[in-house]
C-alpha atoms as a PDB file:
ATOM      1  CA  MET A   1     -11.392  22.158  -8.607  1.00  0.00           C
ATOM      2  CA  THR A   2      -8.045  22.660  -7.622  1.00  0.00           C
ATOM      3  CA  ILE A   3      -6.201  19.947  -7.943  1.00  0.00           C
ATOM      4  CA  LYS A   4      -2.540  19.645  -6.878  1.00  0.00           C
ATOM      5  CA  LEU A   5      -1.445  16.563  -5.823  1.00  0.00           C
ATOM      6  CA  ILE A   6      -2.828  13.321  -6.986  1.00  0.00           C
ATOM      7  CA  ALA A   7      -2.813   9.900  -4.748  1.00  0.00           C
ATOM      8  CA  THR A   8      -2.960   6.429  -6.010  1.00  0.00           C
ATOM      9  CA  ASP A   9      -3.355   2.554  -4.547  1.00  0.00           C
ATOM     10  CA  MET A  10      -1.369   0.397  -6.276  1.00  0.00           C
ATOM     11  CA  ASP A  11      -3.060  -3.021  -7.067  1.00  0.00           C
ATOM     12  CA  GLY A  12      -6.376  -2.800  -7.838  1.00  0.00           C
ATOM     13  CA  THR A  13      -5.764   0.515  -8.900  1.00  0.00           C
ATOM     14  CA  PHE A  14      -3.432   1.773 -10.797  1.00  0.00           C
ATOM     15  CA  LEU A  15      -1.979  -1.388 -11.962  1.00  0.00           C
ATOM     16  CA  ASP A  16      -3.364  -3.489 -14.764  1.00  0.00           C
ATOM     17  CA  GLY A  17      -5.057  -7.207 -13.852  1.00  0.00           C
ATOM     18  CA  LYS A  18      -0.859  -7.999 -14.986  1.00  0.00           C
ATOM     19  CA  GLY A  19       0.252  -5.810 -11.640  1.00  0.00           C
ATOM     20  CA  ALA A  20       2.205  -3.331 -14.336  1.00  0.00           C
ATOM     21  CA  TYR A  21       1.082   0.028 -16.381  1.00  0.00           C
ATOM     22  CA  ASP A  22       2.725   1.267 -19.535  1.00  0.00           C
ATOM     23  CA  LYS A  23       5.436   3.296 -18.683  1.00  0.00           C
ATOM     24  CA  LYS A  24       5.456   5.206 -22.107  1.00  0.00           C
ATOM     25  CA  ARG A  25       2.132   7.036 -21.730  1.00  0.00           C
ATOM     26  CA  PHE A  26       3.138   7.634 -17.352  1.00  0.00           C
ATOM     27  CA  ASP A  27       5.994   9.979 -18.984  1.00  0.00           C
ATOM     28  CA  ARG A  28       3.731  11.665 -20.842  1.00  0.00           C
ATOM     29  CA  LEU A  29       1.201  11.841 -17.885  1.00  0.00           C
ATOM     30  CA  LEU A  30       4.095  12.673 -15.123  1.00  0.00           C
ATOM     31  CA  SER A  31       5.545  15.587 -18.073  1.00  0.00           C
ATOM     32  CA  LYS A  32       2.054  16.436 -18.215  1.00  0.00           C
ATOM     33  CA  LEU A  33       1.472  16.659 -15.025  1.00  0.00           C
ATOM     34  CA  ALA A  34       4.386  18.516 -14.052  1.00  0.00           C
ATOM     35  CA  GLU A  35       3.593  21.619 -16.277  1.00  0.00           C
ATOM     36  CA  GLN A  36       0.355  22.089 -14.590  1.00  0.00           C
ATOM     37  CA  GLU A  37       2.783  21.770 -10.934  1.00  0.00           C
ATOM     38  CA  ILE A  38       0.664  18.549 -10.288  1.00  0.00           C
ATOM     39  CA  ARG A  39       2.590  16.178  -8.030  1.00  0.00           C
ATOM     40  CA  PHE A  40       2.184  12.181  -7.775  1.00  0.00           C
ATOM     41  CA  VAL A  41       2.282   9.392  -5.333  1.00  0.00           C
ATOM     42  CA  ALA A  42       2.074   5.899  -5.625  1.00  0.00           C
ATOM     43  CA  ALA A  43       0.428   4.711  -2.249  1.00  0.00           C
ATOM     44  CA  SER A  44       0.603   1.068  -1.306  1.00  0.00           C
ATOM     45  CA  GLY A  45       1.166  -1.026   0.613  1.00  0.00           C
ATOM     46  CA  ARG A  46       3.774  -2.447  -0.634  1.00  0.00           C
ATOM     47  CA  GLN A  47       7.188  -2.742   0.444  1.00  0.00           C
ATOM     48  CA  LEU A  48       9.554   0.345  -0.007  1.00  0.00           C
ATOM     49  CA  LEU A  49      11.786  -1.535  -2.175  1.00  0.00           C
ATOM     50  CA  ALA A  50       9.167  -3.041  -4.389  1.00  0.00           C
ATOM     51  CA  LEU A  51       7.762   0.251  -5.528  1.00  0.00           C
ATOM     52  CA  GLU A  52      11.307   2.299  -6.124  1.00  0.00           C
ATOM     53  CA  ALA A  53      11.890  -1.140  -8.315  1.00  0.00           C
ATOM     54  CA  MET A  54       8.788  -1.257 -10.923  1.00  0.00           C
ATOM     55  CA  PHE A  55       8.603   2.304 -10.850  1.00  0.00           C
ATOM     56  CA  SER A  56      13.004   2.550 -11.652  1.00  0.00           C
ATOM     57  CA  ALA A  57      12.930   4.597 -14.447  1.00  0.00           C
ATOM     58  CA  PHE A  58      10.335   7.895 -12.605  1.00  0.00           C
ATOM     59  CA  THR A  59      11.591   7.098  -8.917  1.00  0.00           C
ATOM     60  CA  ASP A  60      13.107  11.272  -9.059  1.00  0.00           C
ATOM     61  CA  ARG A  61       9.907  12.616 -10.588  1.00  0.00           C
ATOM     62  CA  ILE A  62       7.133  10.491  -8.164  1.00  0.00           C
ATOM     63  CA  ILE A  63       6.713  10.849  -4.538  1.00  0.00           C
ATOM     64  CA  PHE A  64       6.184   7.004  -3.029  1.00  0.00           C
ATOM     65  CA  VAL A  65       3.849   6.272   0.343  1.00  0.00           C
ATOM     66  CA  ALA A  66       4.449   2.296   1.231  1.00  0.00           C
ATOM     67  CA  GLU A  67       3.887   0.419   3.777  1.00  0.00           C
ATOM     68  CA  ASN A  68      -0.195   1.581   3.812  1.00  0.00           C
ATOM     69  CA  GLY A  69       1.414   4.564   4.811  1.00  0.00           C
ATOM     70  CA  GLY A  70       4.159   3.823   7.188  1.00  0.00           C
ATOM     71  CA  ILE A  71       6.885   5.540   4.921  1.00  0.00           C
ATOM     72  CA  VAL A  72       7.056   8.476   2.692  1.00  0.00           C
ATOM     73  CA  LYS A  73       9.233   8.984   0.721  1.00  0.00           C
ATOM     74  CA  TYR A  74      10.328  11.640  -1.672  1.00  0.00           C
ATOM     75  CA  GLN A  75      13.275  11.907  -3.752  1.00  0.00           C
ATOM     76  CA  ASP A  76      16.305  10.402  -2.108  1.00  0.00           C
ATOM     77  CA  GLN A  77      14.824  12.161   1.028  1.00  0.00           C
ATOM     78  CA  ILE A  78      12.800  10.540   3.618  1.00  0.00           C
ATOM     79  CA  LEU A  79      10.258  12.621   4.882  1.00  0.00           C
ATOM     80  CA  PHE A  80       8.126   9.837   7.349  1.00  0.00           C
ATOM     81  CA  GLU A  81       8.866   6.078   9.049  1.00  0.00           C
ATOM     82  CA  GLU A  82       7.402   4.312  11.449  1.00  0.00           C
ATOM     83  CA  LYS A  83       8.852   1.267  12.540  1.00  0.00           C
ATOM     84  CA  MET A  84       7.707  -1.729  14.435  1.00  0.00           C
ATOM     85  CA  PRO A  85       9.136  -2.562  17.483  1.00  0.00           C
ATOM     86  CA  PHE A  86      10.970  -5.846  17.425  1.00  0.00           C
ATOM     87  CA  ASP A  87       9.814  -7.310  20.230  1.00  0.00           C
ATOM     88  CA  GLN A  88       5.792  -6.537  19.497  1.00  0.00           C
ATOM     89  CA  VAL A  89       7.273  -7.834  15.855  1.00  0.00           C
ATOM     90  CA  LEU A  90       7.698 -11.030  17.310  1.00  0.00           C
ATOM     91  CA  GLU A  91       5.038 -11.816  19.326  1.00  0.00           C
ATOM     92  CA  ILE A  92       2.540 -10.709  16.666  1.00  0.00           C
ATOM     93  CA  ALA A  93       3.670 -13.396  14.680  1.00  0.00           C
ATOM     94  CA  GLU A  94       3.909 -15.669  16.663  1.00  0.00           C
ATOM     95  CA  PHE A  95       0.746 -15.107  17.768  1.00  0.00           C
ATOM     96  CA  VAL A  96      -1.043 -15.004  14.537  1.00  0.00           C
ATOM     97  CA  ARG A  97       0.612 -17.864  13.321  1.00  0.00           C
ATOM     98  CA  ARG A  98      -1.155 -20.020  15.918  1.00  0.00           C
ATOM     99  CA  SER A  99      -5.129 -18.623  14.767  1.00  0.00           C
ATOM    100  CA  ASP A 100      -7.337 -20.326  12.630  1.00  0.00           C
ATOM    101  CA  PHE A 101      -7.483 -18.026   9.539  1.00  0.00           C
ATOM    102  CA  ILE A 102      -3.544 -18.294   8.613  1.00  0.00           C
ATOM    103  CA  GLU A 103      -2.830 -20.336   5.051  1.00  0.00           C
ATOM    104  CA  GLY A 104      -0.093 -21.987   4.810  1.00  0.00           C
ATOM    105  CA  ASP A 105       2.614 -20.380   7.927  1.00  0.00           C
ATOM    106  CA  SER A 106       2.492 -17.037   5.724  1.00  0.00           C
ATOM    107  CA  VAL A 107       3.555 -14.633   7.422  1.00  0.00           C
ATOM    108  CA  LEU A 108       6.068 -12.505   5.926  1.00  0.00           C
ATOM    109  CA  LEU A 109       8.314  -9.078   7.753  1.00  0.00           C
ATOM    110  CA  SER A 110       8.465  -5.731   5.708  1.00  0.00           C
ATOM    111  CA  GLY A 111      11.887  -4.277   6.346  1.00  0.00           C
ATOM    112  CA  ALA A 112      13.657  -1.240   5.076  1.00  0.00           C
ATOM    113  CA  LYS A 113      16.313  -3.961   3.846  1.00  0.00           C
ATOM    114  CA  GLY A 114      14.536  -6.508   2.977  1.00  0.00           C
ATOM    115  CA  SER A 115      11.315  -8.284   3.303  1.00  0.00           C
ATOM    116  CA  TYR A 116      11.704 -11.842   5.583  1.00  0.00           C
ATOM    117  CA  ILE A 117      10.019 -15.425   5.750  1.00  0.00           C
ATOM    118  CA  LEU A 118       9.681 -18.224   6.734  1.00  0.00           C
ATOM    119  CA  GLU A 119      11.414 -22.352   5.756  1.00  0.00           C
ATOM    120  CA  THR A 120       8.305 -23.736   6.731  1.00  0.00           C
ATOM    121  CA  ALA A 121       6.296 -21.241   4.675  1.00  0.00           C
ATOM    122  CA  ASP A 122       4.714 -22.787   1.421  1.00  0.00           C
ATOM    123  CA  ALA A 123       5.161 -22.521  -2.009  1.00  0.00           C
ATOM    124  CA  HIS A 124       2.213 -20.529  -2.756  1.00  0.00           C
ATOM    125  CA  ALA A 125       3.422 -17.749   0.064  1.00  0.00           C
ATOM    126  CA  ARG A 126       7.008 -17.588  -1.036  1.00  0.00           C
ATOM    127  CA  GLN A 127       5.808 -17.260  -4.207  1.00  0.00           C
ATOM    128  CA  LYS A 128       3.054 -14.578  -3.529  1.00  0.00           C
ATOM    129  CA  ALA A 129       5.952 -12.974  -2.293  1.00  0.00           C
ATOM    130  CA  ALA A 130       7.989 -12.725  -5.021  1.00  0.00           C
ATOM    131  CA  MET A 131       4.989 -11.195  -6.927  1.00  0.00           C
ATOM    132  CA  TYR A 132       4.793  -7.965  -3.810  1.00  0.00           C
ATOM    133  CA  TYR A 133       8.366  -7.848  -2.197  1.00  0.00           C
ATOM    134  CA  GLU A 134      12.099  -7.647  -3.023  1.00  0.00           C
ATOM    135  CA  ASN A 135      14.803  -8.489  -2.062  1.00  0.00           C
ATOM    136  CA  ILE A 136      12.969 -11.848  -0.175  1.00  0.00           C
ATOM    137  CA  GLN A 137      15.392 -13.938   2.805  1.00  0.00           C
ATOM    138  CA  ILE A 138      14.023 -17.011   3.862  1.00  0.00           C
ATOM    139  CA  VAL A 139      14.651 -17.411   7.621  1.00  0.00           C
ATOM    140  CA  SER A 140      14.583 -20.516  10.370  1.00  0.00           C
ATOM    141  CA  ASP A 141      13.144 -18.321  12.724  1.00  0.00           C
ATOM    142  CA  PHE A 142      11.879 -14.377  12.752  1.00  0.00           C
ATOM    143  CA  SER A 143      14.418 -13.932  15.615  1.00  0.00           C
ATOM    144  CA  THR A 144      17.059 -13.226  13.660  1.00  0.00           C
ATOM    145  CA  VAL A 145      16.235 -11.107  11.772  1.00  0.00           C
ATOM    146  CA  VAL A 146      18.385  -7.788  11.639  1.00  0.00           C
ATOM    147  CA  ASP A 147      16.349  -5.127  10.657  1.00  0.00           C
ATOM    148  CA  ASP A 148      14.372  -2.101  11.380  1.00  0.00           C
ATOM    149  CA  ILE A 149      10.778  -3.876  10.563  1.00  0.00           C
ATOM    150  CA  LEU A 150       7.019  -1.195   9.226  1.00  0.00           C
ATOM    151  CA  LYS A 151       4.725  -3.829   8.989  1.00  0.00           C
ATOM    152  CA  LEU A 152       3.520  -7.791   8.488  1.00  0.00           C
ATOM    153  CA  THR A 153       1.414  -9.487   6.315  1.00  0.00           C
ATOM    154  CA  VAL A 154      -0.319 -12.916   5.998  1.00  0.00           C
ATOM    155  CA  SER A 155      -2.605 -14.478   3.972  1.00  0.00           C
ATOM    156  CA  PHE A 156      -5.944 -16.148   5.454  1.00  0.00           C
ATOM    157  CA  LYS A 157      -8.368 -18.151   3.762  1.00  0.00           C
ATOM    158  CA  PRO A 158      -9.925 -15.858   1.798  1.00  0.00           C
ATOM    159  CA  GLU A 159     -14.003 -16.583   2.394  1.00  0.00           C
ATOM    160  CA  THR A 160     -13.258 -15.989   6.208  1.00  0.00           C
ATOM    161  CA  VAL A 161     -10.301 -12.566   5.687  1.00  0.00           C
ATOM    162  CA  LEU A 162     -13.029 -10.582   6.435  1.00  0.00           C
ATOM    163  CA  GLU A 163     -13.451 -11.730  10.117  1.00  0.00           C
ATOM    164  CA  GLY A 164      -9.900 -12.439  10.970  1.00  0.00           C
ATOM    165  CA  GLU A 165      -9.547  -8.973  10.235  1.00  0.00           C
ATOM    166  CA  ALA A 166     -11.670  -7.775  13.292  1.00  0.00           C
ATOM    167  CA  TRP A 167     -10.327 -10.969  15.243  1.00  0.00           C
ATOM    168  CA  LEU A 168      -7.186  -9.381  14.720  1.00  0.00           C
ATOM    169  CA  ASN A 169      -8.035  -6.058  16.005  1.00  0.00           C
ATOM    170  CA  ALA A 170     -10.023  -6.707  18.638  1.00  0.00           C
ATOM    171  CA  GLN A 171      -6.840  -8.818  20.114  1.00  0.00           C
ATOM    172  CA  LEU A 172      -3.674  -6.336  18.534  1.00  0.00           C
ATOM    173  CA  MET A 173      -2.644  -4.378  20.688  1.00  0.00           C
ATOM    174  CA  GLY A 174       0.017  -0.978  19.487  1.00  0.00           C
ATOM    175  CA  ALA A 175      -1.034  -2.528  16.068  1.00  0.00           C
ATOM    176  CA  ARG A 176      -4.307  -3.039  13.530  1.00  0.00           C
ATOM    177  CA  ALA A 177      -4.887  -4.992  10.940  1.00  0.00           C
ATOM    178  CA  VAL A 178      -6.331  -4.099   7.442  1.00  0.00           C
ATOM    179  CA  THR A 179      -6.994  -6.159   4.937  1.00  0.00           C
ATOM    180  CA  THR A 180      -4.701  -5.231   1.454  1.00  0.00           C
ATOM    181  CA  GLY A 181      -6.471  -7.975  -0.633  1.00  0.00           C
ATOM    182  CA  LEU A 182      -8.794 -11.170  -1.402  1.00  0.00           C
ATOM    183  CA  ALA A 183      -7.119 -12.770   1.072  1.00  0.00           C
ATOM    184  CA  SER A 184      -4.403 -10.097   2.576  1.00  0.00           C
ATOM    185  CA  ILE A 185      -4.335  -8.649   5.837  1.00  0.00           C
ATOM    186  CA  ASP A 186      -1.382  -6.190   6.716  1.00  0.00           C
ATOM    187  CA  ILE A 187      -0.694  -5.337  10.509  1.00  0.00           C
ATOM    188  CA  ILE A 188       1.086  -2.326  10.573  1.00  0.00           C
ATOM    189  CA  PRO A 189       0.911   0.136  13.948  1.00  0.00           C
ATOM    190  CA  SER A 190      -1.941   1.924  15.529  1.00  0.00           C
ATOM    191  CA  GLY A 191      -2.527   5.320  13.691  1.00  0.00           C
ATOM    192  CA  ILE A 192      -0.798   4.880  10.630  1.00  0.00           C
ATOM    193  CA  SER A 193      -2.964   4.740   7.366  1.00  0.00           C
ATOM    194  CA  LYS A 194      -2.174   5.786   4.375  1.00  0.00           C
ATOM    195  CA  GLU A 195      -3.816   9.334   5.003  1.00  0.00           C
ATOM    196  CA  THR A 196      -1.023   9.477   7.628  1.00  0.00           C
ATOM    197  CA  GLY A 197       1.644   9.742   4.378  1.00  0.00           C
ATOM    198  CA  LEU A 198      -0.566  12.277   2.624  1.00  0.00           C
ATOM    199  CA  SER A 199      -0.945  14.197   5.861  1.00  0.00           C
ATOM    200  CA  HIS A 200       2.940  14.461   5.798  1.00  0.00           C
ATOM    201  CA  LEU A 201       3.000  15.566   2.589  1.00  0.00           C
ATOM    202  CA  ALA A 202       0.203  18.048   2.570  1.00  0.00           C
ATOM    203  CA  GLU A 203       1.990  19.690   5.421  1.00  0.00           C
ATOM    204  CA  LYS A 204       5.153  20.163   3.403  1.00  0.00           C
ATOM    205  CA  PHE A 205       4.369  20.911   0.313  1.00  0.00           C
ATOM    206  CA  ASN A 206       1.888  23.849   1.372  1.00  0.00           C
ATOM    207  CA  ILE A 207      -1.179  21.648   0.262  1.00  0.00           C
ATOM    208  CA  GLN A 208      -4.665  21.611   1.534  1.00  0.00           C
ATOM    209  CA  PRO A 209      -6.412  18.435   1.701  1.00  0.00           C
ATOM    210  CA  SER A 210      -9.241  19.526  -0.410  1.00  0.00           C
ATOM    211  CA  GLU A 211      -6.651  20.435  -3.696  1.00  0.00           C
ATOM    212  CA  ILE A 212      -5.169  16.049  -3.251  1.00  0.00           C
ATOM    213  CA  LEU A 213      -7.391  13.156  -5.956  1.00  0.00           C
ATOM    214  CA  ALA A 214      -7.127  10.167  -4.080  1.00  0.00           C
ATOM    215  CA  PHE A 215      -8.237   6.998  -5.939  1.00  0.00           C
ATOM    216  CA  GLY A 216      -8.563   3.590  -4.968  1.00  0.00           C
ATOM    217  CA  ASP A 217     -10.150  -0.848  -4.702  1.00  0.00           C
ATOM    218  CA  ASN A 218      -9.802  -1.847  -1.043  1.00  0.00           C
ATOM    219  CA  LEU A 219      -9.971  -1.477   3.169  1.00  0.00           C
ATOM    220  CA  ASN A 220      -6.402   0.279   2.761  1.00  0.00           C
ATOM    221  CA  ASP A 221      -7.353   2.597   0.583  1.00  0.00           C
ATOM    222  CA  LEU A 222     -10.558   4.210   2.670  1.00  0.00           C
ATOM    223  CA  GLU A 223      -8.591   6.322   5.264  1.00  0.00           C
ATOM    224  CA  MET A 224      -6.506   8.220   2.309  1.00  0.00           C
ATOM    225  CA  LEU A 225     -10.242   8.666   0.260  1.00  0.00           C
ATOM    226  CA  THR A 226     -11.734  10.208   3.233  1.00  0.00           C
ATOM    227  CA  TYR A 227      -9.041  12.377   3.646  1.00  0.00           C
ATOM    228  CA  ALA A 228      -9.068  13.554  -0.004  1.00  0.00           C
ATOM    229  CA  GLY A 229     -10.355  16.393  -1.195  1.00  0.00           C
ATOM    230  CA  THR A 230     -12.085  14.160  -3.928  1.00  0.00           C
ATOM    231  CA  SER A 231     -12.016  10.770  -4.271  1.00  0.00           C
ATOM    232  CA  PHE A 232     -12.514   8.119  -5.900  1.00  0.00           C
ATOM    233  CA  ALA A 233     -13.399   4.110  -5.756  1.00  0.00           C
ATOM    234  CA  MET A 234     -12.751   1.667  -9.122  1.00  0.00           C
ATOM    235  CA  LEU A 235     -15.618  -0.814 -11.020  1.00  0.00           C
ATOM    236  CA  ASN A 236     -13.669  -3.483  -9.165  1.00  0.00           C
ATOM    237  CA  ALA A 237     -12.860  -1.571  -5.689  1.00  0.00           C
ATOM    238  CA  ARG A 238     -15.342  -3.554  -2.712  1.00  0.00           C
ATOM    239  CA  ASP A 239     -18.526  -2.060  -1.698  1.00  0.00           C
ATOM    240  CA  GLU A 240     -16.960  -0.210   1.841  1.00  0.00           C
ATOM    241  CA  VAL A 241     -14.996   1.948  -0.740  1.00  0.00           C
ATOM    242  CA  LYS A 242     -17.217   2.710  -3.813  1.00  0.00           C
ATOM    243  CA  ALA A 243     -19.817   4.424  -0.472  1.00  0.00           C
ATOM    244  CA  VAL A 244     -17.018   6.458   0.623  1.00  0.00           C
ATOM    245  CA  ALA A 245     -15.558   7.357  -3.032  1.00  0.00           C
ATOM    246  CA  ASP A 246     -16.900  10.952  -4.430  1.00  0.00           C
ATOM    247  CA  ASP A 247     -17.150   8.580  -7.439  1.00  0.00           C
ATOM    248  CA  VAL A 248     -16.811   5.157  -9.537  1.00  0.00           C
ATOM    249  CA  ILE A 249     -14.225   5.624 -12.232  1.00  0.00           C
ATOM    250  CA  GLY A 250     -13.416   1.966 -14.576  1.00  0.00           C
ATOM    251  CA  HIS A 251     -11.853  -1.068 -13.879  1.00  0.00           C
ATOM    252  CA  HIS A 252      -8.451  -1.291 -13.049  1.00  0.00           C
ATOM    253  CA  ALA A 253      -7.511  -4.106 -15.753  1.00  0.00           C
ATOM    254  CA  ASP A 254      -8.719  -1.194 -18.603  1.00  0.00           C
ATOM    255  CA  ALA A 255      -5.934   1.315 -16.818  1.00  0.00           C
ATOM    256  CA  ALA A 256      -9.315   3.435 -15.915  1.00  0.00           C
ATOM    257  CA  VAL A 257      -6.735   6.006 -13.315  1.00  0.00           C
ATOM    258  CA  MET A 258      -4.189   6.352 -15.447  1.00  0.00           C
ATOM    259  CA  THR A 259      -7.013   7.192 -18.804  1.00  0.00           C
ATOM    260  CA  TYR A 260      -8.716   9.486 -16.526  1.00  0.00           C
ATOM    261  CA  LEU A 261      -5.282  11.585 -15.638  1.00  0.00           C
ATOM    262  CA  GLU A 262      -4.802  12.590 -19.333  1.00  0.00           C
ATOM    263  CA  ASN A 263      -7.995  13.663 -19.675  1.00  0.00           C
ATOM    264  CA  LEU A 264      -7.933  15.712 -16.428  1.00  0.00           C
ATOM    265  CA  VAL A 265      -4.405  17.569 -17.835  1.00  0.00           C
ATOM    266  CA  LYS A 266      -5.329  18.060 -21.592  1.00  0.00           C
END
């Protein structure tokens, strides 16, 4: 197979159990990929600012598809961005806060300049936000936020997260909910997914879907895995993800994606 672009999810896929990666191995891998003219894409539900911080030593060597496809950045250029109307953001936030599924008033707005969480959010919600987001602002009311919002995220009860996703999708207009973790839901514009980001990259770099290799583990990876010519699910992936992938590789905690790619470019 001819591969020109590799896209991998981050949490539960490329990153290990501590949410980290071996930077020396990655540096060597990127050099090998560049020699073979293969582009590397970090495709994540994470905020762009957070991805750039995580890959601060490599930002000029990789491509970012952040916010589940809501924004695509290559080097210093924004290739695609889909903002949510602010009145819609406020309406959805209030609607979700009244639901029976939410944990700890945990709604977070993810924006271009920062992320925003309410002062009524509990300690667990604040701690979780600190793990995945940059420039976190605690506000008394979301209406005071001045930023371009690309996504809302919320923690639901783990045992009902899939039910909560289905409930949201039956209620939302102009937006959709997708499960991104064991208890996390992202709310993004309708029609946006990681596939959206990859399709923009394919057009820019004249790459066919058959020349794309993708890795994922969760429901927000489904469209990307289906779009890519070759796709792999992690051993730790949800069953729905394994069902659409071409094959299953090792566990994310064992850096299975890094190992697979090292073997690919030997």
